[in-house]
Amino acid sequence: MHLDDLRTFCLSLPAVSEDVKWDHDLCFSVGGKMFCVASLEPPLTFSLKVPDDQLDELLSQPGVVPAPYLARYKWVLLQEGRTLSEEQVTALIRQSYALIKGKLPKKELKAAGLL
């Protein structure tokens, strides 16, 4: 997956915004909360939240490591050369979006047009 493909997919999800943080990370958010963070500098790496029950399985895959600064919140970093298929990656992004969206208060969901 290329950065443009990642960006297109993330922005296709409802009520997603993007911004650049820390000078070199493209962040995708729902309701003001990040669900995917991609490096703007090659090689493409990106982080996302995963469910507790999938964390160990994903971390056993080549090219998947604990996300710096976010690992304690069950985030993983997918590196270039990972063994996951594009379908698996898009499913993980969609799942990360759902996990973050699911934690938003009703007020924020309503403000984002998600209710």
PDB file of N, CA and C in Angstrom:
ATOM      1  N   MET A   1       0.849  -1.175   0.000  1.00  0.00           N
ATOM      2  CA  MET A   1       0.000   0.000   0.000  1.00  0.00           C
ATOM      3  C   MET A   1       0.891   1.234   0.000  1.00  0.00           C
ATOM      4  N   HIS A   2       0.526   2.208  -0.802  1.00  0.00           N
ATOM      5  CA  HIS A   2       1.253   3.472  -0.874  1.00  0.00           C
ATOM      6  C   HIS A   2       0.542   4.514  -0.013  1.00  0.00           C
ATOM      7  N   LEU A   3       1.236   5.580   0.305  1.00  0.00           N
ATOM      8  CA  LEU A   3       0.660   6.628   1.145  1.00  0.00           C
ATOM      9  C   LEU A   3      -0.622   7.189   0.532  1.00  0.00           C
ATOM     10  N   ASP A   4      -0.636   7.395  -0.786  1.00  0.00           N
ATOM     11  CA  ASP A   4      -1.845   7.917  -1.438  1.00  0.00           C
ATOM     12  C   ASP A   4      -3.025   6.963  -1.279  1.00  0.00           C
ATOM     13  N   ASP A   5      -2.759   5.654  -1.378  1.00  0.00           N
ATOM     14  CA  ASP A   5      -3.822   4.662  -1.200  1.00  0.00           C
ATOM     15  C   ASP A   5      -4.323   4.659   0.242  1.00  0.00           C
ATOM     16  N   LEU A   6      -3.398   4.743   1.179  1.00  0.00           N
ATOM     17  CA  LEU A   6      -3.762   4.788   2.593  1.00  0.00           C
ATOM     18  C   LEU A   6      -4.612   6.021   2.868  1.00  0.00           C
ATOM     19  N   ARG A   7      -4.182   7.144   2.354  1.00  0.00           N
ATOM     20  CA  ARG A   7      -4.910   8.404   2.556  1.00  0.00           C
ATOM     21  C   ARG A   7      -6.308   8.322   1.956  1.00  0.00           C
ATOM     22  N   THR A   8      -6.419   7.828   0.741  1.00  0.00           N
ATOM     23  CA  THR A   8      -7.717   7.703   0.081  1.00  0.00           C
ATOM     24  C   THR A   8      -8.644   6.796   0.881  1.00  0.00           C
ATOM     25  N   PHE A   9      -8.121   5.673   1.348  1.00  0.00           N
ATOM     26  CA  PHE A   9      -8.953   4.748   2.110  1.00  0.00           C
ATOM     27  C   PHE A   9      -9.410   5.373   3.424  1.00  0.00           C
ATOM     28  N   CYS A  10      -8.486   5.958   4.178  1.00  0.00           N
ATOM     29  CA  CYS A  10      -8.854   6.551   5.469  1.00  0.00           C
ATOM     30  C   CYS A  10      -9.889   7.657   5.296  1.00  0.00           C
ATOM     31  N   LEU A  11      -9.701   8.495   4.288  1.00  0.00           N
ATOM     32  CA  LEU A  11     -10.639   9.600   4.075  1.00  0.00           C
ATOM     33  C   LEU A  11     -11.988   9.130   3.541  1.00  0.00           C
ATOM     34  N   SER A  12     -12.081   7.886   3.076  1.00  0.00           N
ATOM     35  CA  SER A  12     -13.361   7.360   2.605  1.00  0.00           C
ATOM     36  C   SER A  12     -14.269   6.952   3.768  1.00  0.00           C
ATOM     37  N   LEU A  13     -13.707   6.824   4.957  1.00  0.00           N
ATOM     38  CA  LEU A  13     -14.495   6.467   6.132  1.00  0.00           C
ATOM     39  C   LEU A  13     -15.262   7.699   6.618  1.00  0.00           C
ATOM     40  N   PRO A  14     -16.445   7.517   7.197  1.00  0.00           N
ATOM     41  CA  PRO A  14     -17.278   8.652   7.600  1.00  0.00           C
ATOM     42  C   PRO A  14     -16.626   9.563   8.639  1.00  0.00           C
ATOM     43  N   ALA A  15     -16.752  10.869   8.412  1.00  0.00           N
ATOM     44  CA  ALA A  15     -16.358  11.916   9.366  1.00  0.00           C
ATOM     45  C   ALA A  15     -14.874  11.887   9.733  1.00  0.00           C
ATOM     46  N   VAL A  16     -14.020  11.519   8.795  1.00  0.00           N
ATOM     47  CA  VAL A  16     -12.576  11.469   9.053  1.00  0.00           C
ATOM     48  C   VAL A  16     -11.933  12.798   8.667  1.00  0.00           C
ATOM     49  N   SER A  17     -11.049  13.249   9.520  1.00  0.00           N
ATOM     50  CA  SER A  17     -10.253  14.439   9.215  1.00  0.00           C
ATOM     51  C   SER A  17      -8.787  14.031   9.196  1.00  0.00           C
ATOM     52  N   GLU A  18      -7.972  14.860   8.569  1.00  0.00           N
ATOM     53  CA  GLU A  18      -6.535  14.591   8.531  1.00  0.00           C
ATOM     54  C   GLU A  18      -5.779  15.851   8.888  1.00  0.00           C
ATOM     55  N   ASP A  19      -4.631  15.670   9.482  1.00  0.00           N
ATOM     56  CA  ASP A  19      -3.735  16.789   9.738  1.00  0.00           C
ATOM     57  C   ASP A  19      -2.326  16.235   9.930  1.00  0.00           C
ATOM     58  N   VAL A  20      -1.369  17.130   9.869  1.00  0.00           N
ATOM     59  CA  VAL A  20       0.031  16.746  10.045  1.00  0.00           C
ATOM     60  C   VAL A  20       0.439  17.120  11.467  1.00  0.00           C
ATOM     61  N   LYS A  21       0.978  16.153  12.180  1.00  0.00           N
ATOM     62  CA  LYS A  21       1.460  16.379  13.541  1.00  0.00           C
ATOM     63  C   LYS A  21       2.943  16.020  13.593  1.00  0.00           C
ATOM     64  N   TRP A  22       3.620  16.613  14.533  1.00  0.00           N
ATOM     65  CA  TRP A  22       5.029  16.323  14.790  1.00  0.00           C
ATOM     66  C   TRP A  22       5.897  16.498  13.532  1.00  0.00           C
ATOM     67  N   ASP A  23       5.475  17.369  12.645  1.00  0.00           N
ATOM     68  CA  ASP A  23       6.204  17.777  11.437  1.00  0.00           C
ATOM     69  C   ASP A  23       6.324  16.719  10.342  1.00  0.00           C
ATOM     70  N   HIS A  24       6.064  15.452  10.638  1.00  0.00           N
ATOM     71  CA  HIS A  24       6.259  14.444   9.589  1.00  0.00           C
ATOM     72  C   HIS A  24       5.289  13.267   9.679  1.00  0.00           C
ATOM     73  N   ASP A  25       4.205  13.424  10.434  1.00  0.00           N
ATOM     74  CA  ASP A  25       3.233  12.336  10.549  1.00  0.00           C
ATOM     75  C   ASP A  25       1.863  12.808  10.087  1.00  0.00           C
ATOM     76  N   LEU A  26       1.270  12.069   9.174  1.00  0.00           N
ATOM     77  CA  LEU A  26      -0.075  12.343   8.694  1.00  0.00           C
ATOM     78  C   LEU A  26      -1.035  11.565   9.576  1.00  0.00           C
ATOM     79  N   CYS A  27      -1.894  12.294  10.280  1.00  0.00           N
ATOM     80  CA  CYS A  27      -2.796  11.684  11.251  1.00  0.00           C
ATOM     81  C   CYS A  27      -4.225  11.717  10.739  1.00  0.00           C
ATOM     82  N   PHE A  28      -4.893  10.589  10.850  1.00  0.00           N
ATOM     83  CA  PHE A  28      -6.300  10.474  10.483  1.00  0.00           C
ATOM     84  C   PHE A  28      -7.090  10.302  11.765  1.00  0.00           C
ATOM     85  N   SER A  29      -8.144  11.111  11.907  1.00  0.00           N
ATOM     86  CA  SER A  29      -8.907  11.139  13.146  1.00  0.00           C
ATOM     87  C   SER A  29     -10.394  11.060  12.872  1.00  0.00           C
ATOM     88  N   VAL A  30     -11.117  10.559  13.869  1.00  0.00           N
ATOM     89  CA  VAL A  30     -12.573  10.588  13.866  1.00  0.00           C
ATOM     90  C   VAL A  30     -12.978  11.203  15.200  1.00  0.00           C
ATOM     91  N   GLY A  31     -13.807  12.233  15.141  1.00  0.00           N
ATOM     92  CA  GLY A  31     -14.204  12.907  16.368  1.00  0.00           C
ATOM     93  C   GLY A  31     -13.039  13.500  17.123  1.00  0.00           C
ATOM     94  N   GLY A  32     -11.986  13.883  16.412  1.00  0.00           N
ATOM     95  CA  GLY A  32     -10.811  14.476  17.042  1.00  0.00           C
ATOM     96  C   GLY A  32      -9.849  13.469  17.649  1.00  0.00           C
ATOM     97  N   LYS A  33     -10.117  12.175  17.522  1.00  0.00           N
ATOM     98  CA  LYS A  33      -9.244  11.139  18.084  1.00  0.00           C
ATOM     99  C   LYS A  33      -8.572  10.367  16.954  1.00  0.00           C
ATOM    100  N   MET A  34      -7.266  10.207  17.050  1.00  0.00           N
ATOM    101  CA  MET A  34      -6.499   9.514  16.014  1.00  0.00           C
ATOM    102  C   MET A  34      -6.847   8.032  15.960  1.00  0.00           C
ATOM    103  N   PHE A  35      -6.926   7.513  14.719  1.00  0.00           N
ATOM    104  CA  PHE A  35      -7.071   6.068  14.548  1.00  0.00           C
ATOM    105  C   PHE A  35      -5.993   5.494  13.635  1.00  0.00           C
ATOM    106  N   CYS A  36      -5.279   6.359  12.906  1.00  0.00           N
ATOM    107  CA  CYS A  36      -4.190   5.913  12.034  1.00  0.00           C
ATOM    108  C   CYS A  36      -3.197   7.060  11.893  1.00  0.00           C
ATOM    109  N   VAL A  37      -1.916   6.744  12.025  1.00  0.00           N
ATOM    110  CA  VAL A  37      -0.849   7.730  11.913  1.00  0.00           C
ATOM    111  C   VAL A  37       0.195   7.181  10.949  1.00  0.00           C
ATOM    112  N   ALA A  38       0.447   7.913   9.855  1.00  0.00           N
ATOM    113  CA  ALA A  38       1.388   7.457   8.834  1.00  0.00           C
ATOM    114  C   ALA A  38       2.566   8.417   8.728  1.00  0.00           C
ATOM    115  N   SER A  39       3.735   7.863   8.510  1.00  0.00           N
ATOM    116  CA  SER A  39       4.924   8.677   8.312  1.00  0.00           C
ATOM    117  C   SER A  39       4.901   9.275   6.907  1.00  0.00           C
ATOM    118  N   LEU A  40       5.176  10.549   6.809  1.00  0.00           N
ATOM    119  CA  LEU A  40       5.255  11.202   5.503  1.00  0.00           C
ATOM    120  C   LEU A  40       6.605  10.978   4.839  1.00  0.00           C
ATOM    121  N   GLU A  41       7.562  10.477   5.611  1.00  0.00           N
ATOM    122  CA  GLU A  41       8.900  10.224   5.087  1.00  0.00           C
ATOM    123  C   GLU A  41       9.032   8.736   4.741  1.00  0.00           C
ATOM    124  N   PRO A  42       9.612   8.436   3.565  1.00  0.00           N
ATOM    125  CA  PRO A  42       9.791   7.028   3.198  1.00  0.00           C
ATOM    126  C   PRO A  42      10.747   6.340   4.166  1.00  0.00           C
ATOM    127  N   PRO A  43      10.617   5.062   4.348  1.00  0.00           N
ATOM    128  CA  PRO A  43       9.602   4.166   3.811  1.00  0.00           C
ATOM    129  C   PRO A  43       8.284   4.344   4.558  1.00  0.00           C
ATOM    130  N   LEU A  44       7.185   3.964   3.914  1.00  0.00           N
ATOM    131  CA  LEU A  44       5.876   4.097   4.517  1.00  0.00           C
ATOM    132  C   LEU A  44       5.754   3.178   5.731  1.00  0.00           C
ATOM    133  N   THR A  45       5.453   3.776   6.861  1.00  0.00           N
ATOM    134  CA  THR A  45       5.095   3.044   8.066  1.00  0.00           C
ATOM    135  C   THR A  45       3.853   3.718   8.611  1.00  0.00           C
ATOM    136  N   PHE A  46       3.020   2.960   9.269  1.00  0.00           N
ATOM    137  CA  PHE A  46       1.865   3.581   9.901  1.00  0.00           C
ATOM    138  C   PHE A  46       1.427   2.780  11.110  1.00  0.00           C
ATOM    139  N   SER A  47       0.802   3.496  12.036  1.00  0.00           N
ATOM    140  CA  SER A  47       0.372   2.908  13.300  1.00  0.00           C
ATOM    141  C   SER A  47      -1.135   2.935  13.387  1.00  0.00           C
ATOM    142  N   LEU A  48      -1.671   1.941  14.095  1.00  0.00           N
ATOM    143  CA  LEU A  48      -3.112   1.898  14.323  1.00  0.00           C
ATOM    144  C   LEU A  48      -3.421   1.089  15.563  1.00  0.00           C
ATOM    145  N   LYS A  49      -4.619   1.292  16.079  1.00  0.00           N
ATOM    146  CA  LYS A  49      -5.070   0.592  17.280  1.00  0.00           C
ATOM    147  C   LYS A  49      -5.630  -0.771  16.894  1.00  0.00           C
ATOM    148  N   VAL A  50      -5.354  -1.764  17.733  1.00  0.00           N
ATOM    149  CA  VAL A  50      -5.872  -3.116  17.487  1.00  0.00           C
ATOM    150  C   VAL A  50      -6.553  -3.627  18.759  1.00  0.00           C
ATOM    151  N   PRO A  51      -7.477  -4.566  18.607  1.00  0.00           N
ATOM    152  CA  PRO A  51      -8.120  -5.145  19.797  1.00  0.00           C
ATOM    153  C   PRO A  51      -7.112  -5.954  20.621  1.00  0.00           C
ATOM    154  N   ASP A  52      -7.356  -6.005  21.898  1.00  0.00           N
ATOM    155  CA  ASP A  52      -6.467  -6.733  22.811  1.00  0.00           C
ATOM    156  C   ASP A  52      -6.214  -8.169  22.347  1.00  0.00           C
ATOM    157  N   ASP A  53      -7.264  -8.822  21.872  1.00  0.00           N
ATOM    158  CA  ASP A  53      -7.131 -10.235  21.524  1.00  0.00           C
ATOM    159  C   ASP A  53      -6.353 -10.487  20.232  1.00  0.00           C
ATOM    160  N   GLN A  54      -6.060  -9.446  19.460  1.00  0.00           N
ATOM    161  CA  GLN A  54      -5.279  -9.608  18.229  1.00  0.00           C
ATOM    162  C   GLN A  54      -3.844  -9.117  18.362  1.00  0.00           C
ATOM    163  N   LEU A  55      -3.539  -8.448  19.449  1.00  0.00           N
ATOM    164  CA  LEU A  55      -2.234  -7.803  19.598  1.00  0.00           C
ATOM    165  C   LEU A  55      -1.076  -8.790  19.473  1.00  0.00           C
ATOM    166  N   ASP A  56      -1.079  -9.838  20.252  1.00  0.00           N
ATOM    167  CA  ASP A  56       0.049 -10.789  20.237  1.00  0.00           C
ATOM    168  C   ASP A  56       0.199 -11.461  18.883  1.00  0.00           C
ATOM    169  N   GLU A  57      -0.918 -11.820  18.272  1.00  0.00           N
ATOM    170  CA  GLU A  57      -0.874 -12.468  16.948  1.00  0.00           C
ATOM    171  C   GLU A  57      -0.255 -11.533  15.910  1.00  0.00           C
ATOM    172  N   LEU A  58      -0.662 -10.268  15.925  1.00  0.00           N
ATOM    173  CA  LEU A  58      -0.107  -9.308  14.961  1.00  0.00           C
ATOM    174  C   LEU A  58       1.370  -9.066  15.208  1.00  0.00           C
ATOM    175  N   LEU A  59       1.752  -8.948  16.468  1.00  0.00           N
ATOM    176  CA  LEU A  59       3.158  -8.681  16.787  1.00  0.00           C
ATOM    177  C   LEU A  59       4.068  -9.856  16.426  1.00  0.00           C
ATOM    178  N   SER A  60       3.505 -11.020  16.217  1.00  0.00           N
ATOM    179  CA  SER A  60       4.315 -12.167  15.801  1.00  0.00           C
ATOM    180  C   SER A  60       4.584 -12.155  14.290  1.00  0.00           C
ATOM    181  N   GLN A  61       3.935 -11.262  13.558  1.00  0.00           N
ATOM    182  CA  GLN A  61       4.115 -11.154  12.109  1.00  0.00           C
ATOM    183  C   GLN A  61       5.358 -10.317  11.795  1.00  0.00           C
ATOM    184  N   PRO A  62       6.127 -10.695  10.781  1.00  0.00           N
ATOM    185  CA  PRO A  62       7.258  -9.859  10.362  1.00  0.00           C
ATOM    186  C   PRO A  62       6.761  -8.479   9.910  1.00  0.00           C
ATOM    187  N   GLY A  63       7.460  -7.446  10.330  1.00  0.00           N
ATOM    188  CA  GLY A  63       7.109  -6.091   9.912  1.00  0.00           C
ATOM    189  C   GLY A  63       6.031  -5.437  10.748  1.00  0.00           C
ATOM    190  N   VAL A  64       5.638  -6.080  11.842  1.00  0.00           N
ATOM    191  CA  VAL A  64       4.656  -5.499  12.760  1.00  0.00           C
ATOM    192  C   VAL A  64       5.306  -5.434  14.141  1.00  0.00           C
ATOM    193  N   VAL A  65       5.414  -4.218  14.673  1.00  0.00           N
ATOM    194  CA  VAL A  65       6.082  -4.007  15.963  1.00  0.00           C
ATOM    195  C   VAL A  65       5.206  -3.109  16.838  1.00  0.00           C
ATOM    196  N   PRO A  66       5.480  -3.078  18.144  1.00  0.00           N
ATOM    197  CA  PRO A  66       4.737  -2.148  18.998  1.00  0.00           C
ATOM    198  C   PRO A  66       4.967  -0.708  18.535  1.00  0.00           C
ATOM    199  N   ALA A  67       3.910   0.070  18.497  1.00  0.00           N
ATOM    200  CA  ALA A  67       4.026   1.459  18.045  1.00  0.00           C
ATOM    201  C   ALA A  67       4.734   2.308  19.101  1.00  0.00           C
ATOM    202  N   PRO A  68       5.741   3.079  18.683  1.00  0.00           N
ATOM    203  CA  PRO A  68       6.414   3.959  19.638  1.00  0.00           C
ATOM    204  C   PRO A  68       5.414   4.912  20.295  1.00  0.00           C
ATOM    205  N   TYR A  69       5.541   5.081  21.592  1.00  0.00           N
ATOM    206  CA  TYR A  69       4.716   5.980  22.403  1.00  0.00           C
ATOM    207  C   TYR A  69       3.272   5.518  22.572  1.00  0.00           C
ATOM    208  N   LEU A  70       2.778   4.606  21.755  1.00  0.00           N
ATOM    209  CA  LEU A  70       1.371   4.207  21.816  1.00  0.00           C
ATOM    210  C   LEU A  70       1.169   2.721  22.101  1.00  0.00           C
ATOM    211  N   ALA A  71       2.228   1.973  22.235  1.00  0.00           N
ATOM    212  CA  ALA A  71       2.112   0.521  22.420  1.00  0.00           C
ATOM    213  C   ALA A  71       1.298   0.170  23.660  1.00  0.00           C
ATOM    214  N   ARG A  72       1.427   0.954  24.705  1.00  0.00           N
ATOM    215  CA  ARG A  72       0.683   0.630  25.931  1.00  0.00           C
ATOM    216  C   ARG A  72      -0.821   0.767  25.753  1.00  0.00           C
ATOM    217  N   TYR A  73      -1.234   1.461  24.675  1.00  0.00           N
ATOM    218  CA  TYR A  73      -2.655   1.607  24.358  1.00  0.00           C
ATOM    219  C   TYR A  73      -3.094   0.628  23.272  1.00  0.00           C
ATOM    220  N   LYS A  74      -2.276  -0.394  23.037  1.00  0.00           N
ATOM    221  CA  LYS A  74      -2.562  -1.451  22.058  1.00  0.00           C
ATOM    222  C   LYS A  74      -2.513  -0.937  20.618  1.00  0.00           C
ATOM    223  N   TRP A  75      -1.493  -0.166  20.308  1.00  0.00           N
ATOM    224  CA  TRP A  75      -1.238   0.292  18.947  1.00  0.00           C
ATOM    225  C   TRP A  75      -0.035  -0.475  18.402  1.00  0.00           C
ATOM    226  N   VAL A  76      -0.089  -0.776  17.103  1.00  0.00           N
ATOM    227  CA  VAL A  76       1.028  -1.432  16.428  1.00  0.00           C
ATOM    228  C   VAL A  76       1.517  -0.543  15.287  1.00  0.00           C
ATOM    229  N   LEU A  77       2.768  -0.746  14.916  1.00  0.00           N
ATOM    230  CA  LEU A  77       3.377  -0.050  13.788  1.00  0.00           C
ATOM    231  C   LEU A  77       3.597  -1.065  12.682  1.00  0.00           C
ATOM    232  N   LEU A  78       3.029  -0.792  11.520  1.00  0.00           N
ATOM    233  CA  LEU A  78       3.214  -1.662  10.363  1.00  0.00           C
ATOM    234  C   LEU A  78       4.326  -1.062   9.511  1.00  0.00           C
ATOM    235  N   GLN A  79       5.358  -1.851   9.278  1.00  0.00           N
ATOM    236  CA  GLN A  79       6.516  -1.398   8.531  1.00  0.00           C
ATOM    237  C   GLN A  79       6.454  -1.894   7.096  1.00  0.00           C
ATOM    238  N   GLU A  80       7.187  -1.201   6.228  1.00  0.00           N
ATOM    239  CA  GLU A  80       7.284  -1.640   4.843  1.00  0.00           C
ATOM    240  C   GLU A  80       7.865  -3.055   4.820  1.00  0.00           C
ATOM    241  N   GLY A  81       7.362  -3.884   3.931  1.00  0.00           N
ATOM    242  CA  GLY A  81       7.833  -5.249   3.840  1.00  0.00           C
ATOM    243  C   GLY A  81       7.080  -6.212   4.738  1.00  0.00           C
ATOM    244  N   ARG A  82       6.032  -5.728   5.370  1.00  0.00           N
ATOM    245  CA  ARG A  82       5.226  -6.610   6.241  1.00  0.00           C
ATOM    246  C   ARG A  82       4.585  -7.718   5.406  1.00  0.00           C
ATOM    247  N   THR A  83       4.163  -8.741   6.064  1.00  0.00           N
ATOM    248  CA  THR A  83       3.606  -9.895   5.347  1.00  0.00           C
ATOM    249  C   THR A  83       2.080  -9.846   5.236  1.00  0.00           C
ATOM    250  N   LEU A  84       1.455  -8.807   5.744  1.00  0.00           N
ATOM    251  CA  LEU A  84       0.002  -8.701   5.669  1.00  0.00           C
ATOM    252  C   LEU A  84      -0.433  -8.278   4.271  1.00  0.00           C
ATOM    253  N   SER A  85      -1.540  -8.824   3.814  1.00  0.00           N
ATOM    254  CA  SER A  85      -2.072  -8.443   2.501  1.00  0.00           C
ATOM    255  C   SER A  85      -2.753  -7.080   2.592  1.00  0.00           C
ATOM    256  N   GLU A  86      -3.012  -6.478   1.445  1.00  0.00           N
ATOM    257  CA  GLU A  86      -3.698  -5.188   1.428  1.00  0.00           C
ATOM    258  C   GLU A  86      -5.095  -5.313   2.037  1.00  0.00           C
ATOM    259  N   GLU A  87      -5.752  -6.449   1.824  1.00  0.00           N
ATOM    260  CA  GLU A  87      -7.083  -6.668   2.406  1.00  0.00           C
ATOM    261  C   GLU A  87      -6.997  -6.720   3.930  1.00  0.00           C
ATOM    262  N   GLN A  88      -5.962  -7.373   4.449  1.00  0.00           N
ATOM    263  CA  GLN A  88      -5.783  -7.427   5.900  1.00  0.00           C
ATOM    264  C   GLN A  88      -5.491  -6.042   6.467  1.00  0.00           C
ATOM    265  N   VAL A  89      -4.695  -5.265   5.748  1.00  0.00           N
ATOM    266  CA  VAL A  89      -4.342  -3.925   6.208  1.00  0.00           C
ATOM    267  C   VAL A  89      -5.580  -3.035   6.229  1.00  0.00           C
ATOM    268  N   THR A  90      -6.385  -3.061   5.166  1.00  0.00           N
ATOM    269  CA  THR A  90      -7.584  -2.219   5.148  1.00  0.00           C
ATOM    270  C   THR A  90      -8.569  -2.667   6.233  1.00  0.00           C
ATOM    271  N   ALA A  91      -8.640  -3.967   6.498  1.00  0.00           N
ATOM    272  CA  ALA A  91      -9.514  -4.455   7.580  1.00  0.00           C
ATOM    273  C   ALA A  91      -9.022  -3.944   8.931  1.00  0.00           C
ATOM    274  N   LEU A  92      -7.698  -3.919   9.131  1.00  0.00           N
ATOM    275  CA  LEU A  92      -7.142  -3.409  10.385  1.00  0.00           C
ATOM    276  C   LEU A  92      -7.400  -1.911  10.545  1.00  0.00           C
ATOM    277  N   ILE A  93      -7.296  -1.165   9.455  1.00  0.00           N
ATOM    278  CA  ILE A  93      -7.572   0.273   9.517  1.00  0.00           C
ATOM    279  C   ILE A  93      -9.040   0.501   9.861  1.00  0.00           C
ATOM    280  N   ARG A  94      -9.924  -0.223   9.189  1.00  0.00           N
ATOM    281  CA  ARG A  94     -11.363  -0.097   9.460  1.00  0.00           C
ATOM    282  C   ARG A  94     -11.661  -0.469  10.922  1.00  0.00           C
ATOM    283  N   GLN A  95     -10.991  -1.490  11.424  1.00  0.00           N
ATOM    284  CA  GLN A  95     -11.182  -1.920  12.799  1.00  0.00           C
ATOM    285  C   GLN A  95     -10.671  -0.862  13.783  1.00  0.00           C
ATOM    286  N   SER A  96      -9.529  -0.256  13.488  1.00  0.00           N
ATOM    287  CA  SER A  96      -8.988   0.800  14.331  1.00  0.00           C
ATOM    288  C   SER A  96      -9.958   1.982  14.379  1.00  0.00           C
ATOM    289  N   TYR A  97     -10.489   2.344  13.227  1.00  0.00           N
ATOM    290  CA  TYR A  97     -11.494   3.408  13.142  1.00  0.00           C
ATOM    291  C   TYR A  97     -12.684   3.078  14.045  1.00  0.00           C
ATOM    292  N   ALA A  98     -13.188   1.851  13.959  1.00  0.00           N
ATOM    293  CA  ALA A  98     -14.352   1.439  14.745  1.00  0.00           C
ATOM    294  C   ALA A  98     -14.044   1.445  16.249  1.00  0.00           C
ATOM    295  N   LEU A  99     -12.840   1.015  16.622  1.00  0.00           N
ATOM    296  CA  LEU A  99     -12.461   1.017  18.037  1.00  0.00           C
ATOM    297  C   LEU A  99     -12.437   2.433  18.599  1.00  0.00           C
ATOM    298  N   ILE A 100     -11.848   3.357  17.849  1.00  0.00           N
ATOM    299  CA  ILE A 100     -11.757   4.746  18.313  1.00  0.00           C
ATOM    300  C   ILE A 100     -13.139   5.387  18.307  1.00  0.00           C
ATOM    301  N   LYS A 101     -13.880   5.202  17.246  1.00  0.00           N
ATOM    302  CA  LYS A 101     -15.243   5.760  17.150  1.00  0.00           C
ATOM    303  C   LYS A 101     -16.113   5.229  18.284  1.00  0.00           C
ATOM    304  N   GLY A 102     -15.955   3.964  18.623  1.00  0.00           N
ATOM    305  CA  GLY A 102     -16.743   3.345  19.678  1.00  0.00           C
ATOM    306  C   GLY A 102     -16.494   3.919  21.059  1.00  0.00           C
ATOM    307  N   LYS A 103     -15.387   4.587  21.254  1.00  0.00           N
ATOM    308  CA  LYS A 103     -15.059   5.197  22.552  1.00  0.00           C
ATOM    309  C   LYS A 103     -15.509   6.657  22.645  1.00  0.00           C
ATOM    310  N   LEU A 104     -15.988   7.219  21.532  1.00  0.00           N
ATOM    311  CA  LEU A 104     -16.387   8.623  21.538  1.00  0.00           C
ATOM    312  C   LEU A 104     -17.700   8.813  22.293  1.00  0.00           C
ATOM    313  N   PRO A 105     -17.804   9.895  23.057  1.00  0.00           N
ATOM    314  CA  PRO A 105     -19.067  10.212  23.714  1.00  0.00           C
ATOM    315  C   PRO A 105     -20.144  10.552  22.673  1.00  0.00           C
ATOM    316  N   LYS A 106     -21.388  10.351  23.038  1.00  0.00           N
ATOM    317  CA  LYS A 106     -22.496  10.620  22.111  1.00  0.00           C
ATOM    318  C   LYS A 106     -22.477  12.061  21.599  1.00  0.00           C
ATOM    319  N   LYS A 107     -22.079  12.977  22.431  1.00  0.00           N
ATOM    320  CA  LYS A 107     -22.024  14.389  22.036  1.00  0.00           C
ATOM    321  C   LYS A 107     -21.059  14.578  20.851  1.00  0.00           C
ATOM    322  N   GLU A 108     -19.904  13.929  20.938  1.00  0.00           N
ATOM    323  CA  GLU A 108     -18.911  14.036  19.850  1.00  0.00           C
ATOM    324  C   GLU A 108     -19.362  13.292  18.606  1.00  0.00           C
ATOM    325  N   LEU A 109     -20.024  12.153  18.792  1.00  0.00           N
ATOM    326  CA  LEU A 109     -20.557  11.422  17.649  1.00  0.00           C
ATOM    327  C   LEU A 109     -21.599  12.259  16.907  1.00  0.00           C
ATOM    328  N   LYS A 110     -22.437  12.902  17.658  1.00  0.00           N
ATOM    329  CA  LYS A 110     -23.480  13.754  17.062  1.00  0.00           C
ATOM    330  C   LYS A 110     -22.843  14.944  16.342  1.00  0.00           C
ATOM    331  N   ALA A 111     -21.845  15.575  16.970  1.00  0.00           N
ATOM    332  CA  ALA A 111     -21.172  16.721  16.354  1.00  0.00           C
ATOM    333  C   ALA A 111     -20.474  16.329  15.053  1.00  0.00           C
ATOM    334  N   ALA A 112     -19.993  15.085  14.982  1.00  0.00           N
ATOM    335  CA  ALA A 112     -19.306  14.601  13.784  1.00  0.00           C
ATOM    336  C   ALA A 112     -20.282  14.074  12.727  1.00  0.00           C
ATOM    337  N   GLY A 113     -21.576  14.081  13.063  1.00  0.00           N
ATOM    338  CA  GLY A 113     -22.578  13.579  12.112  1.00  0.00           C
ATOM    339  C   GLY A 113     -22.622  12.074  12.054  1.00  0.00           C
ATOM    340  N   LEU A 114     -22.203  11.407  13.106  1.00  0.00           N
ATOM    341  CA  LEU A 114     -22.171   9.947  13.125  1.00  0.00           C
ATOM    342  C   LEU A 114     -23.364   9.335  13.846  1.00  0.00           C
ATOM    343  N   LEU A 115     -24.273  10.160  14.337  1.00  0.00           N
ATOM    344  CA  LEU A 115     -25.498   9.648  14.974  1.00  0.00           C
ATOM    345  C   LEU A 115     -26.705  10.100  14.216  1.00  0.00           C
TER     346      LEU A 115
END
